[in-house]
C-alpha cells in the first residue's frame, strides 16, 4: 500500500501545473492556427462567396 501511495505522489509531482499549463498553451496555439486559416480562406474566397450569396438571394423574390 505504501508503494502505491509513493507512486501516486511521484506522479502528481511530475504532473505539476506547469505541465498542464503547457498543454493549455498548445491547444490555444492550435485554435489560433485554425482561426488564421479560416480567415485566410474567407479572404481568398470573398468574391466567390459574395456572388454565391447574391445569386441565392436573387433567386427568392
PDB file of N, CA and C in Angstrom:
ATOM      1  N   UNK A   1       0.821  -1.192   0.000  1.00  0.00           N
ATOM      2  CA  UNK A   1       0.000   0.000   0.000  1.00  0.00           C
ATOM      3  C   UNK A   1       0.863   1.253   0.000  1.00  0.00           C
ATOM      4  N   UNK A   2       1.940   1.212   0.747  1.00  0.00           N
ATOM      5  CA  UNK A   2       2.847   2.362   0.831  1.00  0.00           C
ATOM      6  C   UNK A   2       3.465   2.664  -0.538  1.00  0.00           C
ATOM      7  N   UNK A   3       3.785   1.602  -1.276  1.00  0.00           N
ATOM      8  CA  UNK A   3       4.383   1.781  -2.605  1.00  0.00           C
ATOM      9  C   UNK A   3       3.395   2.474  -3.547  1.00  0.00           C
ATOM     10  N   UNK A   4       2.131   2.137  -3.441  1.00  0.00           N
ATOM     11  CA  UNK A   4       1.109   2.768  -4.266  1.00  0.00           C
ATOM     12  C   UNK A   4       0.997   4.252  -3.948  1.00  0.00           C
ATOM     13  N   UNK A   5       1.015   4.589  -2.690  1.00  0.00           N
ATOM     14  CA  UNK A   5       0.940   5.995  -2.273  1.00  0.00           C
ATOM     15  C   UNK A   5       2.172   6.755  -2.756  1.00  0.00           C
ATOM     16  N   UNK A   6       3.347   6.148  -2.614  1.00  0.00           N
ATOM     17  CA  UNK A   6       4.575   6.786  -3.079  1.00  0.00           C
ATOM     18  C   UNK A   6       4.532   7.029  -4.591  1.00  0.00           C
ATOM     19  N   UNK A   7       4.063   6.037  -5.330  1.00  0.00           N
ATOM     20  CA  UNK A   7       3.952   6.192  -6.782  1.00  0.00           C
ATOM     21  C   UNK A   7       2.976   7.299  -7.147  1.00  0.00           C
ATOM     22  N   UNK A   8       1.874   7.384  -6.422  1.00  0.00           N
ATOM     23  CA  UNK A   8       0.884   8.428  -6.671  1.00  0.00           C
ATOM     24  C   UNK A   8       1.461   9.814  -6.402  1.00  0.00           C
ATOM     25  N   UNK A   9       2.205   9.945  -5.341  1.00  0.00           N
ATOM     26  CA  UNK A   9       2.819  11.233  -5.012  1.00  0.00           C
ATOM     27  C   UNK A   9       3.834  11.623  -6.081  1.00  0.00           C
ATOM     28  N   UNK A  10       4.659  10.678  -6.512  1.00  0.00           N
ATOM     29  CA  UNK A  10       5.646  10.977  -7.552  1.00  0.00           C
ATOM     30  C   UNK A  10       4.966  11.373  -8.854  1.00  0.00           C
ATOM     31  N   UNK A  11       3.856  10.719  -9.179  1.00  0.00           N
ATOM     32  CA  UNK A  11       3.123  11.066 -10.397  1.00  0.00           C
ATOM     33  C   UNK A  11       2.603  12.491 -10.315  1.00  0.00           C
ATOM     34  N   UNK A  12       2.044  12.865  -9.172  1.00  0.00           N
ATOM     35  CA  UNK A  12       1.496  14.212  -9.012  1.00  0.00           C
ATOM     36  C   UNK A  12       2.588  15.272  -9.067  1.00  0.00           C
ATOM     37  N   UNK A  13       3.763  14.944  -8.563  1.00  0.00           N
ATOM     38  CA  UNK A  13       4.869  15.895  -8.631  1.00  0.00           C
ATOM     39  C   UNK A  13       5.312  16.076 -10.083  1.00  0.00           C
ATOM     40  N   UNK A  14       5.409  14.970 -10.816  1.00  0.00           N
ATOM     41  CA  UNK A  14       5.791  15.078 -12.231  1.00  0.00           C
ATOM     42  C   UNK A  14       4.739  15.822 -13.031  1.00  0.00           C
ATOM     43  N   UNK A  15       3.498  15.646 -12.677  1.00  0.00           N
ATOM     44  CA  UNK A  15       2.382  16.254 -13.401  1.00  0.00           C
ATOM     45  C   UNK A  15       2.028  17.591 -12.753  1.00  0.00           C
ATOM     46  N   UNK A  16       2.997  18.459 -12.661  1.00  0.00           N
ATOM     47  CA  UNK A  16       2.825  19.740 -11.988  1.00  0.00           C
ATOM     48  C   UNK A  16       1.960  20.675 -12.830  1.00  0.00           C
ATOM     49  N   UNK A  17       1.494  21.785 -12.256  1.00  0.00           N
ATOM     50  CA  UNK A  17       0.665  22.740 -13.007  1.00  0.00           C
ATOM     51  C   UNK A  17       1.367  23.290 -14.247  1.00  0.00           C
ATOM     52  N   UNK A  18       2.689  23.372 -14.239  1.00  0.00           N
ATOM     53  CA  UNK A  18       3.407  23.866 -15.412  1.00  0.00           C
ATOM     54  C   UNK A  18       3.197  22.943 -16.608  1.00  0.00           C
ATOM     55  N   UNK A  19       3.146  21.645 -16.360  1.00  0.00           N
ATOM     56  CA  UNK A  19       2.922  20.691 -17.449  1.00  0.00           C
ATOM     57  C   UNK A  19       1.504  20.823 -17.974  1.00  0.00           C
ATOM     58  N   UNK A  20       0.551  20.963 -17.079  1.00  0.00           N
ATOM     59  CA  UNK A  20      -0.839  21.147 -17.510  1.00  0.00           C
ATOM     60  C   UNK A  20      -0.990  22.459 -18.250  1.00  0.00           C
ATOM     61  N   UNK A  21      -0.304  23.493 -17.815  1.00  0.00           N
ATOM     62  CA  UNK A  21      -0.353  24.789 -18.489  1.00  0.00           C
ATOM     63  C   UNK A  21       0.230  24.721 -19.887  1.00  0.00           C
ATOM     64  N   UNK A  22       1.250  23.888 -20.054  1.00  0.00           N
ATOM     65  CA  UNK A  22       1.860  23.725 -21.366  1.00  0.00           C
ATOM     66  C   UNK A  22       0.830  23.145 -22.336  1.00  0.00           C
ATOM     67  N   UNK A  23       0.047  22.178 -21.888  1.00  0.00           N
ATOM     68  CA  UNK A  23      -0.991  21.600 -22.741  1.00  0.00           C
ATOM     69  C   UNK A  23      -2.029  22.633 -23.133  1.00  0.00           C
ATOM     70  N   UNK A  24      -2.383  23.496 -22.204  1.00  0.00           N
ATOM     71  CA  UNK A  24      -3.353  24.553 -22.487  1.00  0.00           C
ATOM     72  C   UNK A  24      -2.818  25.502 -23.538  1.00  0.00           C
ATOM     73  N   UNK A  25      -1.553  25.850 -23.440  1.00  0.00           N
ATOM     74  CA  UNK A  25      -0.933  26.745 -24.423  1.00  0.00           C
ATOM     75  C   UNK A  25      -0.915  26.076 -25.800  1.00  0.00           C
ATOM     76  N   UNK A  26      -0.628  24.788 -25.837  1.00  0.00           N
ATOM     77  CA  UNK A  26      -0.616  24.082 -27.116  1.00  0.00           C
ATOM     78  C   UNK A  26      -1.999  24.090 -27.754  1.00  0.00           C
ATOM     79  N   UNK A  27      -3.044  23.863 -26.977  1.00  0.00           N
ATOM     80  CA  UNK A  27      -4.400  23.919 -27.520  1.00  0.00           C
ATOM     81  C   UNK A  27      -4.736  25.324 -28.005  1.00  0.00           C
ATOM     82  N   UNK A  28      -4.302  26.342 -27.297  1.00  0.00           N
ATOM     83  CA  UNK A  28      -4.554  27.724 -27.712  1.00  0.00           C
ATOM     84  C   UNK A  28      -3.851  28.021 -29.033  1.00  0.00           C
ATOM     85  N   UNK A  29      -2.634  27.531 -29.202  1.00  0.00           N
ATOM     86  CA  UNK A  29      -1.907  27.755 -30.453  1.00  0.00           C
ATOM     87  C   UNK A  29      -2.583  27.044 -31.620  1.00  0.00           C
ATOM     88  N   UNK A  30      -3.084  25.846 -31.386  1.00  0.00           N
ATOM     89  CA  UNK A  30      -3.806  25.128 -32.439  1.00  0.00           C
ATOM     90  C   UNK A  30      -5.073  25.880 -32.818  1.00  0.00           C
ATOM     91  N   UNK A  31      -5.792  26.367 -31.819  1.00  0.00           N
ATOM     92  CA  UNK A  31      -7.008  27.139 -32.085  1.00  0.00           C
ATOM     93  C   UNK A  31      -6.684  28.408 -32.864  1.00  0.00           C
ATOM     94  N   UNK A  32      -5.597  29.075 -32.520  1.00  0.00           N
ATOM     95  CA  UNK A  32      -5.174  30.274 -33.232  1.00  0.00           C
ATOM     96  C   UNK A  32      -4.834  29.941 -34.685  1.00  0.00           C
ATOM     97  N   UNK A  33      -4.141  28.840 -34.912  1.00  0.00           N
ATOM     98  CA  UNK A  33      -3.796  28.434 -36.268  1.00  0.00           C
ATOM     99  C   UNK A  33      -5.047  28.153 -37.097  1.00  0.00           C
ATOM    100  N   UNK A  34      -6.018  27.484 -36.514  1.00  0.00           N
ATOM    101  CA  UNK A  34      -7.265  27.197 -37.227  1.00  0.00           C
ATOM    102  C   UNK A  34      -8.000  28.494 -37.555  1.00  0.00           C
ATOM    103  N   UNK A  35      -8.034  29.435 -36.608  1.00  0.00           N
ATOM    104  CA  UNK A  35      -8.710  30.710 -36.845  1.00  0.00           C
ATOM    105  C   UNK A  35      -8.029  31.490 -37.962  1.00  0.00           C
ATOM    106  N   UNK A  36      -6.699  31.517 -37.965  1.00  0.00           N
ATOM    107  CA  UNK A  36      -5.969  32.230 -39.024  1.00  0.00           C
ATOM    108  C   UNK A  36      -6.221  31.572 -40.379  1.00  0.00           C
ATOM    109  N   UNK A  37      -6.236  30.249 -40.424  1.00  0.00           N
ATOM    110  CA  UNK A  37      -6.506  29.543 -41.676  1.00  0.00           C
ATOM    111  C   UNK A  37      -7.923  29.833 -42.169  1.00  0.00           C
ATOM    112  N   UNK A  38      -8.877  29.884 -41.259  1.00  0.00           N
ATOM    113  CA  UNK A  38     -10.258  30.180 -41.635  1.00  0.00           C
ATOM    114  C   UNK A  38     -10.389  31.585 -42.200  1.00  0.00           C
ATOM    115  N   UNK A  39      -9.773  32.556 -41.535  1.00  0.00           N
ATOM    116  CA  UNK A  39      -9.821  33.939 -42.022  1.00  0.00           C
ATOM    117  C   UNK A  39      -9.141  34.028 -43.383  1.00  0.00           C
ATOM    118  N   UNK A  40      -8.003  33.362 -43.549  1.00  0.00           N
ATOM    119  CA  UNK A  40      -7.322  33.372 -44.841  1.00  0.00           C
ATOM    120  C   UNK A  40      -8.180  32.775 -45.945  1.00  0.00           C
ATOM    121  N   UNK A  41      -8.852  31.680 -45.667  1.00  0.00           N
ATOM    122  CA  UNK A  41      -9.723  31.053 -46.663  1.00  0.00           C
ATOM    123  C   UNK A  41     -10.887  31.967 -47.026  1.00  0.00           C
ATOM    124  N   UNK A  42     -11.455  32.630 -46.025  1.00  0.00           N
ATOM    125  CA  UNK A  42     -12.566  33.542 -46.306  1.00  0.00           C
ATOM    126  C   UNK A  42     -12.114  34.738 -47.135  1.00  0.00           C
ATOM    127  N   UNK A  43     -10.922  35.237 -46.879  1.00  0.00           N
ATOM    128  CA  UNK A  43     -10.401  36.360 -47.664  1.00  0.00           C
ATOM    129  C   UNK A  43     -10.174  35.916 -49.107  1.00  0.00           C
ATOM    130  N   UNK A  44      -9.600  34.730 -49.300  1.00  0.00           N
ATOM    131  CA  UNK A  44      -9.346  34.247 -50.656  1.00  0.00           C
ATOM    132  C   UNK A  44     -10.642  33.975 -51.418  1.00  0.00           C
ATOM    133  N   UNK A  45     -11.662  33.517 -50.738  1.00  0.00           N
ATOM    134  CA  UNK A  45     -12.927  33.157 -51.394  1.00  0.00           C
ATOM    135  C   UNK A  45     -13.973  34.264 -51.305  1.00  0.00           C
ATOM    136  N   UNK A  46     -13.568  35.453 -50.909  1.00  0.00           N
ATOM    137  CA  UNK A  46     -14.514  36.540 -50.664  1.00  0.00           C
ATOM    138  C   UNK A  46     -15.412  36.818 -51.871  1.00  0.00           C
ATOM    139  N   UNK A  47     -14.832  36.995 -53.056  1.00  0.00           N
ATOM    140  CA  UNK A  47     -15.625  37.307 -54.251  1.00  0.00           C
ATOM    141  C   UNK A  47     -16.574  36.181 -54.612  1.00  0.00           C
ATOM    142  N   UNK A  48     -16.095  34.970 -54.548  1.00  0.00           N
ATOM    143  CA  UNK A  48     -16.917  33.811 -54.889  1.00  0.00           C
ATOM    144  C   UNK A  48     -18.084  33.660 -53.925  1.00  0.00           C
ATOM    145  N   UNK A  49     -17.793  33.825 -52.633  1.00  0.00           N
ATOM    146  CA  UNK A  49     -18.866  33.703 -51.636  1.00  0.00           C
ATOM    147  C   UNK A  49     -19.889  34.822 -51.785  1.00  0.00           C
ATOM    148  N   UNK A  50     -19.413  36.042 -52.047  1.00  0.00           N
ATOM    149  CA  UNK A  50     -20.332  37.161 -52.192  1.00  0.00           C
ATOM    150  C   UNK A  50     -21.257  36.940 -53.391  1.00  0.00           C
ATOM    151  N   UNK A  51     -20.690  36.461 -54.491  1.00  0.00           N
ATOM    152  CA  UNK A  51     -21.503  36.196 -55.681  1.00  0.00           C
ATOM    153  C   UNK A  51     -22.504  35.071 -55.419  1.00  0.00           C
ATOM    154  N   UNK A  52     -22.095  34.045 -54.716  1.00  0.00           N
ATOM    155  CA  UNK A  52     -22.994  32.923 -54.416  1.00  0.00           C
ATOM    156  C   UNK A  52     -24.163  33.387 -53.551  1.00  0.00           C
ATOM    157  N   UNK A  53     -23.897  34.211 -52.541  1.00  0.00           N
ATOM    158  CA  UNK A  53     -24.982  34.713 -51.694  1.00  0.00           C
ATOM    159  C   UNK A  53     -25.886  35.672 -52.459  1.00  0.00           C
ATOM    160  N   UNK A  54     -25.296  36.471 -53.341  1.00  0.00           N
ATOM    161  CA  UNK A  54     -26.104  37.390 -54.152  1.00  0.00           C
ATOM    162  C   UNK A  54     -27.027  36.606 -55.081  1.00  0.00           C
ATOM    163  N   UNK A  55     -26.486  35.590 -55.735  1.00  0.00           N
ATOM    164  CA  UNK A  55     -27.314  34.749 -56.614  1.00  0.00           C
ATOM    165  C   UNK A  55     -28.401  34.036 -55.838  1.00  0.00           C
ATOM    166  N   UNK A  56     -28.070  33.552 -54.650  1.00  0.00           N
ATOM    167  CA  UNK A  56     -29.051  32.854 -53.816  1.00  0.00           C
ATOM    168  C   UNK A  56     -30.174  33.804 -53.398  1.00  0.00           C
ATOM    169  N   UNK A  57     -29.805  35.026 -52.987  1.00  0.00           N
ATOM    170  CA  UNK A  57     -30.812  35.999 -52.551  1.00  0.00           C
ATOM    171  C   UNK A  57     -31.674  36.449 -53.720  1.00  0.00           C
ATOM    172  N   UNK A  58     -31.082  36.544 -54.914  1.00  0.00           N
ATOM    173  CA  UNK A  58     -31.849  36.976 -56.080  1.00  0.00           C
ATOM    174  C   UNK A  58     -32.834  35.907 -56.530  1.00  0.00           C
ATOM    175  N   UNK A  59     -32.596  34.660 -56.178  1.00  0.00           N
ATOM    176  CA  UNK A  59     -33.489  33.572 -56.588  1.00  0.00           C
ATOM    177  C   UNK A  59     -34.826  33.642 -55.847  1.00  0.00           C
ATOM    178  N   UNK A  60     -34.863  34.337 -54.721  1.00  0.00           N
ATOM    179  CA  UNK A  60     -36.096  34.471 -53.942  1.00  0.00           C
ATOM    180  C   UNK A  60     -36.615  35.893 -54.049  1.00  0.00           C
ATOM    181  N   UNK A  61     -37.735  36.079 -54.747  1.00  0.00           N
ATOM    182  CA  UNK A  61     -38.267  37.454 -54.912  1.00  0.00           C
ATOM    183  C   UNK A  61     -38.856  38.042 -53.646  1.00  0.00           C
TER     184      UNK A  61
END
